[in-house]
Amino acid sequence: MDLKNRTLSNFAELVETGECKNFKGRLKVGVDLGTANTVLAVVDTSNRPIAGISAPSHAIQDGVIVNYYECVQLVTRLKETLEERLGTELTYAAAAIPPGVSEGSVKSIGYVLEGAGFEVTNIVDEPSAAAAVLKIRDGAVVDVGGGTTGISILKDGKVIYTDDEATGGTHMTMTVAGHYRIPYEEAELLKRQPDKQDEIFPVIKATVEKMALITEKFLKGYEVPAIYVVGGSSMFREFTSVFEKHLKLPVYQPVHPLLVTPLGIAYCCELPRLSPKKDNKI
């Protein structure tokens, strides 16, 4: 297992168990306000995962806050839970948005973090946050979220293009709900069951193919050596094979793709400089 996958596995274990790593110095927080889940990631100044927490959320859609109060309450609760576990206050945080959202939506996401008691130090686009974890210099990061499929194209370690389109996990769930004639909430639970993947994937395959076509459109005019797919809606085993068939490029998926972006957001949290200590000599 390479370093980035080992780091993701360590972070996933912290989220699943609720445990925390020992730390020294200041901490950075990444807040991922997803369409289906809100995740908080905590790292130290060397970007070592220290703690994490996740909870279902329906207060944001495609980067737009649809229930501000509910969103603030959820982030506040998750922040306080982590602070109790760590025994310290979490002050500085970064957030992320899908590419191409309005300036108003960017400000709203910042207000949510501030409402929860954070000092916001950075707001980045989601695929670029993922690229920070995957340490990609050349290639394309495709972030398949609950509401959108977003992309960042990198060349020599710099983002040269970002975009997104409204097709994501919610569209998969609606397809499952329609196929089985069940409520949306029940379809979402069914979609997430690992032992149902072989049954569910043929149902949502056309939606995945549409995501591949969206990615193909984004890539026009750019030459990339490989595609890196992240996001909770990409967790199906056959997801990458559909992309490879349509794009004719190598497609890679890290372990725990749902947690790549929140961890990357924490990486992007910019801590303010410490004031030099005053000389107490008289």
C-alpha atoms as a PDB file:
ATOM      1  CA  MET A   1       0.000   0.000   0.000  1.00  0.00           C
ATOM      2  CA  ASP A   2       1.474   3.379  -1.013  1.00  0.00           C
ATOM      3  CA  LEU A   3       1.715   6.367   1.317  1.00  0.00           C
ATOM      4  CA  LYS A   4      -1.458   8.158   0.201  1.00  0.00           C
ATOM      5  CA  ASN A   5      -3.613   5.034   0.526  1.00  0.00           C
ATOM      6  CA  ARG A   6      -2.074   4.272   3.900  1.00  0.00           C
ATOM      7  CA  THR A   7      -2.854   7.829   5.023  1.00  0.00           C
ATOM      8  CA  LEU A   8      -6.456   7.461   3.810  1.00  0.00           C
ATOM      9  CA  SER A   9      -6.802   4.125   5.589  1.00  0.00           C
ATOM     10  CA  ASN A  10      -5.514   5.676   8.803  1.00  0.00           C
ATOM     11  CA  PHE A  11      -7.993   8.536   8.480  1.00  0.00           C
ATOM     12  CA  ALA A  12     -10.867   6.142   7.712  1.00  0.00           C
ATOM     13  CA  GLU A  13     -10.066   4.169  10.869  1.00  0.00           C
ATOM     14  CA  LEU A  14     -10.216   7.371  12.931  1.00  0.00           C
ATOM     15  CA  VAL A  15     -13.620   8.249  11.461  1.00  0.00           C
ATOM     16  CA  GLU A  16     -14.993   4.742  11.991  1.00  0.00           C
ATOM     17  CA  THR A  17     -13.687   4.218  15.542  1.00  0.00           C
ATOM     18  CA  GLY A  18     -13.923   7.771  16.902  1.00  0.00           C
ATOM     19  CA  GLU A  19     -10.346   7.514  18.153  1.00  0.00           C
ATOM     20  CA  CYS A  20      -7.775  10.321  18.035  1.00  0.00           C
ATOM     21  CA  LYS A  21      -4.015  10.366  17.500  1.00  0.00           C
ATOM     22  CA  ASN A  22      -1.650  12.073  19.916  1.00  0.00           C
ATOM     23  CA  PHE A  23      -0.552  15.476  18.657  1.00  0.00           C
ATOM     24  CA  LYS A  24       1.636  18.458  19.392  1.00  0.00           C
ATOM     25  CA  GLY A  25       1.172  22.007  18.217  1.00  0.00           C
ATOM     26  CA  ARG A  26      -1.672  23.515  16.242  1.00  0.00           C
ATOM     27  CA  LEU A  27      -4.337  21.639  14.324  1.00  0.00           C
ATOM     28  CA  LYS A  28      -6.025  22.243  10.972  1.00  0.00           C
ATOM     29  CA  VAL A  29      -9.625  21.314  10.156  1.00  0.00           C
ATOM     30  CA  GLY A  30     -11.258  20.540   6.839  1.00  0.00           C
ATOM     31  CA  VAL A  31     -15.057  20.785   6.651  1.00  0.00           C
ATOM     32  CA  ASP A  32     -16.686  18.981   3.720  1.00  0.00           C
ATOM     33  CA  LEU A  33     -20.338  20.013   3.457  1.00  0.00           C
ATOM     34  CA  GLY A  34     -21.506  17.263   1.143  1.00  0.00           C
ATOM     35  CA  THR A  35     -24.926  16.653  -0.353  1.00  0.00           C
ATOM     36  CA  ALA A  36     -25.275  13.337   1.507  1.00  0.00           C
ATOM     37  CA  ASN A  37     -22.654  13.566   4.282  1.00  0.00           C
ATOM     38  CA  THR A  38     -20.804  16.232   6.234  1.00  0.00           C
ATOM     39  CA  VAL A  39     -17.255  15.237   7.178  1.00  0.00           C
ATOM     40  CA  LEU A  40     -14.763  17.005   9.437  1.00  0.00           C
ATOM     41  CA  ALA A  41     -11.092  16.083   9.116  1.00  0.00           C
ATOM     42  CA  VAL A  42      -8.404  17.152  11.592  1.00  0.00           C
ATOM     43  CA  VAL A  43      -4.694  17.094  10.729  1.00  0.00           C
ATOM     44  CA  ASP A  44      -1.547  18.464  12.312  1.00  0.00           C
ATOM     45  CA  THR A  45       0.831  20.910  10.624  1.00  0.00           C
ATOM     46  CA  SER A  46       2.547  18.042   8.784  1.00  0.00           C
ATOM     47  CA  ASN A  47      -0.853  16.879   7.460  1.00  0.00           C
ATOM     48  CA  ARG A  48      -0.910  13.734   9.588  1.00  0.00           C
ATOM     49  CA  PRO A  49      -4.532  12.654  10.266  1.00  0.00           C
ATOM     50  CA  ILE A  50      -5.405  13.247  13.930  1.00  0.00           C
ATOM     51  CA  ALA A  51      -9.189  12.800  14.070  1.00  0.00           C
ATOM     52  CA  GLY A  52     -12.298  12.711  11.917  1.00  0.00           C
ATOM     53  CA  ILE A  53     -16.063  12.490  12.071  1.00  0.00           C
ATOM     54  CA  SER A  54     -18.912  12.040   9.597  1.00  0.00           C
ATOM     55  CA  ALA A  55     -22.692  12.417   9.727  1.00  0.00           C
ATOM     56  CA  PRO A  56     -25.562  12.300   7.215  1.00  0.00           C
ATOM     57  CA  SER A  57     -26.611  15.716   5.951  1.00  0.00           C
ATOM     58  CA  HIS A  58     -29.247  17.123   3.614  1.00  0.00           C
ATOM     59  CA  ALA A  59     -28.677  20.817   4.269  1.00  0.00           C
ATOM     60  CA  ILE A  60     -26.653  21.484   1.115  1.00  0.00           C
ATOM     61  CA  GLN A  61     -27.277  20.682  -2.544  1.00  0.00           C
ATOM     62  CA  ASP A  62     -24.692  21.121  -5.292  1.00  0.00           C
ATOM     63  CA  GLY A  63     -22.707  23.575  -3.197  1.00  0.00           C
ATOM     64  CA  VAL A  64     -25.791  25.627  -2.271  1.00  0.00           C
ATOM     65  CA  ILE A  65     -26.983  25.880   1.335  1.00  0.00           C
ATOM     66  CA  VAL A  66     -30.674  24.955   1.448  1.00  0.00           C
ATOM     67  CA  ASN A  67     -31.037  24.934   5.237  1.00  0.00           C
ATOM     68  CA  TYR A  68     -28.567  27.301   6.861  1.00  0.00           C
ATOM     69  CA  TYR A  69     -29.677  26.730  10.459  1.00  0.00           C
ATOM     70  CA  GLU A  70     -29.565  22.936  10.151  1.00  0.00           C
ATOM     71  CA  CYS A  71     -26.134  23.105   8.539  1.00  0.00           C
ATOM     72  CA  VAL A  72     -24.692  25.326  11.291  1.00  0.00           C
ATOM     73  CA  GLN A  73     -26.174  23.107  14.000  1.00  0.00           C
ATOM     74  CA  LEU A  74     -24.664  19.970  12.466  1.00  0.00           C
ATOM     75  CA  VAL A  75     -21.180  21.442  12.013  1.00  0.00           C
ATOM     76  CA  THR A  76     -21.316  22.852  15.555  1.00  0.00           C
ATOM     77  CA  ARG A  77     -22.236  19.451  16.966  1.00  0.00           C
ATOM     78  CA  LEU A  78     -19.473  17.664  15.050  1.00  0.00           C
ATOM     79  CA  LYS A  79     -16.932  20.330  16.041  1.00  0.00           C
ATOM     80  CA  GLU A  80     -17.844  20.033  19.727  1.00  0.00           C
ATOM     81  CA  THR A  81     -17.654  16.236  19.588  1.00  0.00           C
ATOM     82  CA  LEU A  82     -14.136  16.371  18.142  1.00  0.00           C
ATOM     83  CA  GLU A  83     -13.046  19.025  20.644  1.00  0.00           C
ATOM     84  CA  GLU A  84     -14.205  16.816  23.507  1.00  0.00           C
ATOM     85  CA  ARG A  85     -12.309  13.840  22.094  1.00  0.00           C
ATOM     86  CA  LEU A  86      -9.146  15.862  21.493  1.00  0.00           C
ATOM     87  CA  GLY A  87      -9.280  17.924  24.669  1.00  0.00           C
ATOM     88  CA  THR A  88      -8.597  21.138  22.780  1.00  0.00           C
ATOM     89  CA  GLU A  89     -10.437  23.858  20.897  1.00  0.00           C
ATOM     90  CA  LEU A  90     -10.507  23.675  17.112  1.00  0.00           C
ATOM     91  CA  THR A  91     -10.128  27.208  15.805  1.00  0.00           C
ATOM     92  CA  TYR A  92      -9.036  27.261  12.177  1.00  0.00           C
ATOM     93  CA  ALA A  93     -10.813  25.523   9.315  1.00  0.00           C
ATOM     94  CA  ALA A  94     -11.076  25.398   5.545  1.00  0.00           C
ATOM     95  CA  ALA A  95     -14.056  24.477   3.384  1.00  0.00           C
ATOM     96  CA  ALA A  96     -14.576  23.444  -0.219  1.00  0.00           C
ATOM     97  CA  ILE A  97     -17.082  23.989  -3.008  1.00  0.00           C
ATOM     98  CA  PRO A  98     -17.867  22.287  -6.297  1.00  0.00           C
ATOM     99  CA  PRO A  99     -16.213  24.131  -9.219  1.00  0.00           C
ATOM    100  CA  GLY A 100     -18.248  26.933 -10.742  1.00  0.00           C
ATOM    101  CA  VAL A 101     -20.618  27.786  -7.880  1.00  0.00           C
ATOM    102  CA  SER A 102     -21.651  31.395  -7.370  1.00  0.00           C
ATOM    103  CA  GLU A 103     -19.816  33.864  -5.157  1.00  0.00           C
ATOM    104  CA  GLY A 104     -22.895  33.972  -2.931  1.00  0.00           C
ATOM    105  CA  SER A 105     -22.702  30.229  -2.320  1.00  0.00           C
ATOM    106  CA  VAL A 106     -19.015  30.533  -1.436  1.00  0.00           C
ATOM    107  CA  LYS A 107     -19.838  33.197   1.145  1.00  0.00           C
ATOM    108  CA  SER A 108     -22.716  31.116   2.553  1.00  0.00           C
ATOM    109  CA  ILE A 109     -20.439  28.136   3.134  1.00  0.00           C
ATOM    110  CA  GLY A 110     -17.975  30.409   4.905  1.00  0.00           C
ATOM    111  CA  TYR A 111     -20.798  31.772   7.071  1.00  0.00           C
ATOM    112  CA  VAL A 112     -21.754  28.224   8.095  1.00  0.00           C
ATOM    113  CA  LEU A 113     -18.253  27.554   9.407  1.00  0.00           C
ATOM    114  CA  GLU A 114     -18.149  30.916  11.165  1.00  0.00           C
ATOM    115  CA  GLY A 115     -21.576  30.231  12.677  1.00  0.00           C
ATOM    116  CA  ALA A 116     -20.171  26.996  14.096  1.00  0.00           C
ATOM    117  CA  GLY A 117     -17.290  28.876  15.742  1.00  0.00           C
ATOM    118  CA  PHE A 118     -14.495  28.398  13.219  1.00  0.00           C
ATOM    119  CA  GLU A 119     -12.172  31.018  11.788  1.00  0.00           C
ATOM    120  CA  VAL A 120     -12.236  30.322   8.038  1.00  0.00           C
ATOM    121  CA  THR A 121      -8.774  30.466   6.493  1.00  0.00           C
ATOM    122  CA  ASN A 122      -9.422  29.074   3.003  1.00  0.00           C
ATOM    123  CA  ILE A 123     -12.147  27.906   0.625  1.00  0.00           C
ATOM    124  CA  VAL A 124     -10.978  25.690  -2.249  1.00  0.00           C
ATOM    125  CA  ASP A 125     -12.675  23.723  -5.014  1.00  0.00           C
ATOM    126  CA  GLU A 126     -13.322  20.081  -4.157  1.00  0.00           C
ATOM    127  CA  PRO A 127     -11.282  18.338  -6.910  1.00  0.00           C
ATOM    128  CA  SER A 128      -8.248  20.495  -6.095  1.00  0.00           C
ATOM    129  CA  ALA A 129      -8.530  19.487  -2.431  1.00  0.00           C
ATOM    130  CA  ALA A 130      -8.556  15.843  -3.510  1.00  0.00           C
ATOM    131  CA  ALA A 131      -5.497  16.421  -5.688  1.00  0.00           C
ATOM    132  CA  ALA A 132      -3.604  17.671  -2.619  1.00  0.00           C
ATOM    133  CA  VAL A 133      -4.036  14.254  -0.966  1.00  0.00           C
ATOM    134  CA  LEU A 134      -3.330  12.235  -4.097  1.00  0.00           C
ATOM    135  CA  LYS A 135      -0.201  14.323  -4.805  1.00  0.00           C
ATOM    136  CA  ILE A 136      -0.980  14.598  -8.487  1.00  0.00           C
ATOM    137  CA  ARG A 137       1.233  16.780 -10.707  1.00  0.00           C
ATOM    138  CA  ASP A 138      -0.260  15.831 -14.062  1.00  0.00           C
ATOM    139  CA  GLY A 139      -3.715  14.380 -14.640  1.00  0.00           C
ATOM    140  CA  ALA A 140      -7.383  14.977 -13.957  1.00  0.00           C
ATOM    141  CA  VAL A 141      -9.204  14.558 -10.645  1.00  0.00           C
ATOM    142  CA  VAL A 142     -12.893  13.730 -11.035  1.00  0.00           C
ATOM    143  CA  ASP A 143     -14.924  14.253  -7.847  1.00  0.00           C
ATOM    144  CA  VAL A 144     -18.253  12.408  -8.023  1.00  0.00           C
ATOM    145  CA  GLY A 145     -20.321  13.917  -5.251  1.00  0.00           C
ATOM    146  CA  GLY A 146     -23.928  13.649  -4.243  1.00  0.00           C
ATOM    147  CA  GLY A 147     -25.144  16.328  -6.621  1.00  0.00           C
ATOM    148  CA  THR A 148     -22.376  17.035  -9.120  1.00  0.00           C
ATOM    149  CA  THR A 149     -19.474  15.579 -11.072  1.00  0.00           C
ATOM    150  CA  GLY A 150     -16.565  18.025 -10.824  1.00  0.00           C
ATOM    151  CA  ILE A 151     -13.134  18.012 -12.401  1.00  0.00           C
ATOM    152  CA  SER A 152      -9.750  19.644 -11.925  1.00  0.00           C
ATOM    153  CA  ILE A 153      -7.049  19.258 -14.573  1.00  0.00           C
ATOM    154  CA  LEU A 154      -3.487  19.627 -13.320  1.00  0.00           C
ATOM    155  CA  LYS A 155      -0.278  20.286 -15.220  1.00  0.00           C
ATOM    156  CA  ASP A 156       3.106  20.510 -13.474  1.00  0.00           C
ATOM    157  CA  GLY A 157       1.290  20.533 -10.132  1.00  0.00           C
ATOM    158  CA  LYS A 158      -0.922  23.510 -10.988  1.00  0.00           C
ATOM    159  CA  VAL A 159      -4.669  23.505 -11.629  1.00  0.00           C
ATOM    160  CA  ILE A 160      -5.261  24.749 -15.183  1.00  0.00           C
ATOM    161  CA  TYR A 161      -8.987  23.993 -15.503  1.00  0.00           C
ATOM    162  CA  THR A 162     -11.975  23.280 -13.261  1.00  0.00           C
ATOM    163  CA  ASP A 163     -15.643  22.665 -14.034  1.00  0.00           C
ATOM    164  CA  ASP A 164     -18.621  20.620 -12.902  1.00  0.00           C
ATOM    165  CA  GLU A 165     -22.041  19.440 -14.007  1.00  0.00           C
ATOM    166  CA  ALA A 166     -25.135  18.422 -12.059  1.00  0.00           C
ATOM    167  CA  THR A 167     -25.041  14.645 -12.195  1.00  0.00           C
ATOM    168  CA  GLY A 168     -24.062  12.705  -9.075  1.00  0.00           C
ATOM    169  CA  GLY A 169     -25.098  10.268  -6.402  1.00  0.00           C
ATOM    170  CA  THR A 170     -28.588  11.705  -6.034  1.00  0.00           C
ATOM    171  CA  HIS A 171     -29.261  10.831  -9.662  1.00  0.00           C
ATOM    172  CA  MET A 172     -28.095   7.260  -8.993  1.00  0.00           C
ATOM    173  CA  THR A 173     -30.453   7.041  -6.039  1.00  0.00           C
ATOM    174  CA  MET A 174     -33.410   8.363  -8.035  1.00  0.00           C
ATOM    175  CA  THR A 175     -32.698   5.727 -10.691  1.00  0.00           C
ATOM    176  CA  VAL A 176     -32.643   2.982  -8.035  1.00  0.00           C
ATOM    177  CA  ALA A 177     -35.857   4.320  -6.493  1.00  0.00           C
ATOM    178  CA  GLY A 178     -37.584   4.306  -9.866  1.00  0.00           C
ATOM    179  CA  HIS A 179     -36.329   0.853 -10.802  1.00  0.00           C
ATOM    180  CA  TYR A 180     -37.475  -0.802  -7.578  1.00  0.00           C
ATOM    181  CA  ARG A 181     -40.453   1.520  -7.032  1.00  0.00           C
ATOM    182  CA  ILE A 182     -39.333   2.387  -3.511  1.00  0.00           C
ATOM    183  CA  PRO A 183     -38.984   5.720  -1.614  1.00  0.00           C
ATOM    184  CA  TYR A 184     -35.826   7.778  -2.179  1.00  0.00           C
ATOM    185  CA  GLU A 185     -34.553   7.236   1.390  1.00  0.00           C
ATOM    186  CA  GLU A 186     -34.908   3.474   1.059  1.00  0.00           C
ATOM    187  CA  ALA A 187     -33.150   3.542  -2.318  1.00  0.00           C
ATOM    188  CA  GLU A 188     -30.235   5.480  -0.806  1.00  0.00           C
ATOM    189  CA  LEU A 189     -29.737   2.827   1.864  1.00  0.00           C
ATOM    190  CA  LEU A 190     -29.997   0.050  -0.717  1.00  0.00           C
ATOM    191  CA  LYS A 191     -27.438   1.750  -2.962  1.00  0.00           C
ATOM    192  CA  ARG A 192     -24.900   1.917  -0.136  1.00  0.00           C
ATOM    193  CA  GLN A 193     -25.011  -1.765   0.823  1.00  0.00           C
ATOM    194  CA  PRO A 194     -21.709  -3.376  -0.255  1.00  0.00           C
ATOM    195  CA  ASP A 195     -23.306  -6.810  -0.701  1.00  0.00           C
ATOM    196  CA  LYS A 196     -25.826  -5.328  -3.179  1.00  0.00           C
ATOM    197  CA  GLN A 197     -23.237  -3.842  -5.562  1.00  0.00           C
ATOM    198  CA  ASP A 198     -23.527  -6.553  -8.202  1.00  0.00           C
ATOM    199  CA  GLU A 199     -27.300  -6.141  -8.235  1.00  0.00           C
ATOM    200  CA  ILE A 200     -27.382  -2.339  -8.117  1.00  0.00           C
ATOM    201  CA  PHE A 201     -24.612  -1.405 -10.559  1.00  0.00           C
ATOM    202  CA  PRO A 202     -26.443  -2.535 -13.733  1.00  0.00           C
ATOM    203  CA  VAL A 203     -29.344  -0.328 -12.626  1.00  0.00           C
ATOM    204  CA  ILE A 204     -27.192   2.807 -12.292  1.00  0.00           C
ATOM    205  CA  LYS A 205     -24.684   2.014 -15.050  1.00  0.00           C
ATOM    206  CA  ALA A 206     -26.285   4.462 -17.485  1.00  0.00           C
ATOM    207  CA  THR A 207     -25.823   7.255 -14.915  1.00  0.00           C
ATOM    208  CA  VAL A 208     -22.141   6.333 -14.545  1.00  0.00           C
ATOM    209  CA  GLU A 209     -21.799   6.372 -18.338  1.00  0.00           C
ATOM    210  CA  LYS A 210     -23.262   9.878 -18.347  1.00  0.00           C
ATOM    211  CA  MET A 211     -20.631  10.915 -15.784  1.00  0.00           C
ATOM    212  CA  ALA A 212     -17.954   9.509 -18.106  1.00  0.00           C
ATOM    213  CA  LEU A 213     -19.400  11.531 -21.006  1.00  0.00           C
ATOM    214  CA  ILE A 214     -19.374  14.663 -18.817  1.00  0.00           C
ATOM    215  CA  THR A 215     -15.714  14.000 -18.020  1.00  0.00           C
ATOM    216  CA  GLU A 216     -14.935  13.438 -21.707  1.00  0.00           C
ATOM    217  CA  LYS A 217     -16.464  16.833 -22.496  1.00  0.00           C
ATOM    218  CA  PHE A 218     -14.372  18.502 -19.781  1.00  0.00           C
ATOM    219  CA  LEU A 219     -11.185  16.921 -21.159  1.00  0.00           C
ATOM    220  CA  LYS A 220     -11.574  18.227 -24.715  1.00  0.00           C
ATOM    221  CA  GLY A 221      -8.508  20.243 -25.646  1.00  0.00           C
ATOM    222  CA  TYR A 222      -6.426  18.829 -22.790  1.00  0.00           C
ATOM    223  CA  GLU A 223      -3.999  15.920 -22.783  1.00  0.00           C
ATOM    224  CA  VAL A 224      -3.843  14.077 -19.481  1.00  0.00           C
ATOM    225  CA  PRO A 225      -1.974  10.849 -18.657  1.00  0.00           C
ATOM    226  CA  ALA A 226      -4.599   9.487 -16.251  1.00  0.00           C
ATOM    227  CA  ILE A 227      -7.873  10.099 -14.418  1.00  0.00           C
ATOM    228  CA  TYR A 228      -8.222   9.898 -10.630  1.00  0.00           C
ATOM    229  CA  VAL A 229     -11.768   9.320  -9.384  1.00  0.00           C
ATOM    230  CA  VAL A 230     -12.852  10.279  -5.854  1.00  0.00           C
ATOM    231  CA  GLY A 231     -16.126  10.929  -4.027  1.00  0.00           C
ATOM    232  CA  GLY A 232     -18.566   8.665  -2.259  1.00  0.00           C
ATOM    233  CA  SER A 233     -20.677   8.062  -5.359  1.00  0.00           C
ATOM    234  CA  SER A 234     -17.724   6.432  -7.155  1.00  0.00           C
ATOM    235  CA  MET A 235     -17.363   3.556  -4.666  1.00  0.00           C
ATOM    236  CA  PHE A 236     -18.753   0.837  -6.936  1.00  0.00           C
ATOM    237  CA  ARG A 237     -16.177  -1.769  -8.000  1.00  0.00           C
ATOM    238  CA  GLU A 238     -17.018  -1.456 -11.697  1.00  0.00           C
ATOM    239  CA  PHE A 239     -17.050   2.347 -11.717  1.00  0.00           C
ATOM    240  CA  THR A 240     -13.513   2.784 -13.037  1.00  0.00           C
ATOM    241  CA  SER A 241     -13.942   0.173 -15.785  1.00  0.00           C
ATOM    242  CA  VAL A 242     -16.870   2.161 -17.248  1.00  0.00           C
ATOM    243  CA  PHE A 243     -14.756   5.327 -17.258  1.00  0.00           C
ATOM    244  CA  GLU A 244     -11.780   3.536 -18.840  1.00  0.00           C
ATOM    245  CA  LYS A 245     -13.984   2.110 -21.601  1.00  0.00           C
ATOM    246  CA  HIS A 246     -15.343   5.544 -22.538  1.00  0.00           C
ATOM    247  CA  LEU A 247     -12.253   7.699 -21.975  1.00  0.00           C
ATOM    248  CA  LYS A 248      -9.578   5.287 -23.235  1.00  0.00           C
ATOM    249  CA  LEU A 249      -7.330   6.395 -20.372  1.00  0.00           C
ATOM    250  CA  PRO A 250      -6.073   4.770 -17.164  1.00  0.00           C
ATOM    251  CA  VAL A 251      -8.527   5.473 -14.330  1.00  0.00           C
ATOM    252  CA  TYR A 252      -7.427   5.135 -10.723  1.00  0.00           C
ATOM    253  CA  GLN A 253      -9.496   5.136  -7.543  1.00  0.00           C
ATOM    254  CA  PRO A 254      -7.857   5.475  -4.106  1.00  0.00           C
ATOM    255  CA  VAL A 255      -9.079   3.571  -1.088  1.00  0.00           C
ATOM    256  CA  HIS A 256     -11.956   5.251   0.798  1.00  0.00           C
ATOM    257  CA  PRO A 257     -12.795   7.686  -2.040  1.00  0.00           C
ATOM    258  CA  LEU A 258     -15.445   9.409   0.108  1.00  0.00           C
ATOM    259  CA  LEU A 259     -12.756  10.666   2.502  1.00  0.00           C
ATOM    260  CA  VAL A 260     -10.205  11.990   0.000  1.00  0.00           C
ATOM    261  CA  THR A 261     -11.773  15.437  -0.415  1.00  0.00           C
ATOM    262  CA  PRO A 262     -12.374  16.227   3.294  1.00  0.00           C
ATOM    263  CA  LEU A 263      -8.818  15.215   4.126  1.00  0.00           C
ATOM    264  CA  GLY A 264      -7.555  17.410   1.293  1.00  0.00           C
ATOM    265  CA  ILE A 265      -9.601  20.340   2.580  1.00  0.00           C
ATOM    266  CA  ALA A 266      -7.805  20.012   5.928  1.00  0.00           C
ATOM    267  CA  TYR A 267      -4.478  19.992   4.051  1.00  0.00           C
ATOM    268  CA  CYS A 268      -5.518  23.325   2.490  1.00  0.00           C
ATOM    269  CA  CYS A 269      -6.328  24.996   5.816  1.00  0.00           C
ATOM    270  CA  GLU A 270      -3.896  27.897   6.151  1.00  0.00           C
ATOM    271  CA  LEU A 271      -2.842  28.599   9.724  1.00  0.00           C
ATOM    272  CA  PRO A 272      -2.043  32.238  10.524  1.00  0.00           C
ATOM    273  CA  ARG A 273       1.492  33.024  11.489  1.00  0.00           C
ATOM    274  CA  LEU A 274       2.254  32.994  15.173  1.00  0.00           C
ATOM    275  CA  SER A 275       3.254  36.333  16.650  1.00  0.00           C
ATOM    276  CA  PRO A 276       6.871  36.361  17.835  1.00  0.00           C
ATOM    277  CA  LYS A 277       7.191  36.016  21.587  1.00  0.00           C
ATOM    278  CA  LYS A 278       7.815  39.287  23.313  1.00  0.00           C
ATOM    279  CA  ASP A 279      11.054  39.684  25.198  1.00  0.00           C
ATOM    280  CA  ASN A 280      10.161  39.937  28.885  1.00  0.00           C
ATOM    281  CA  LYS A 281      13.528  41.306  29.864  1.00  0.00           C
ATOM    282  CA  ILE A 282      13.424  44.767  31.434  1.00  0.00           C
END
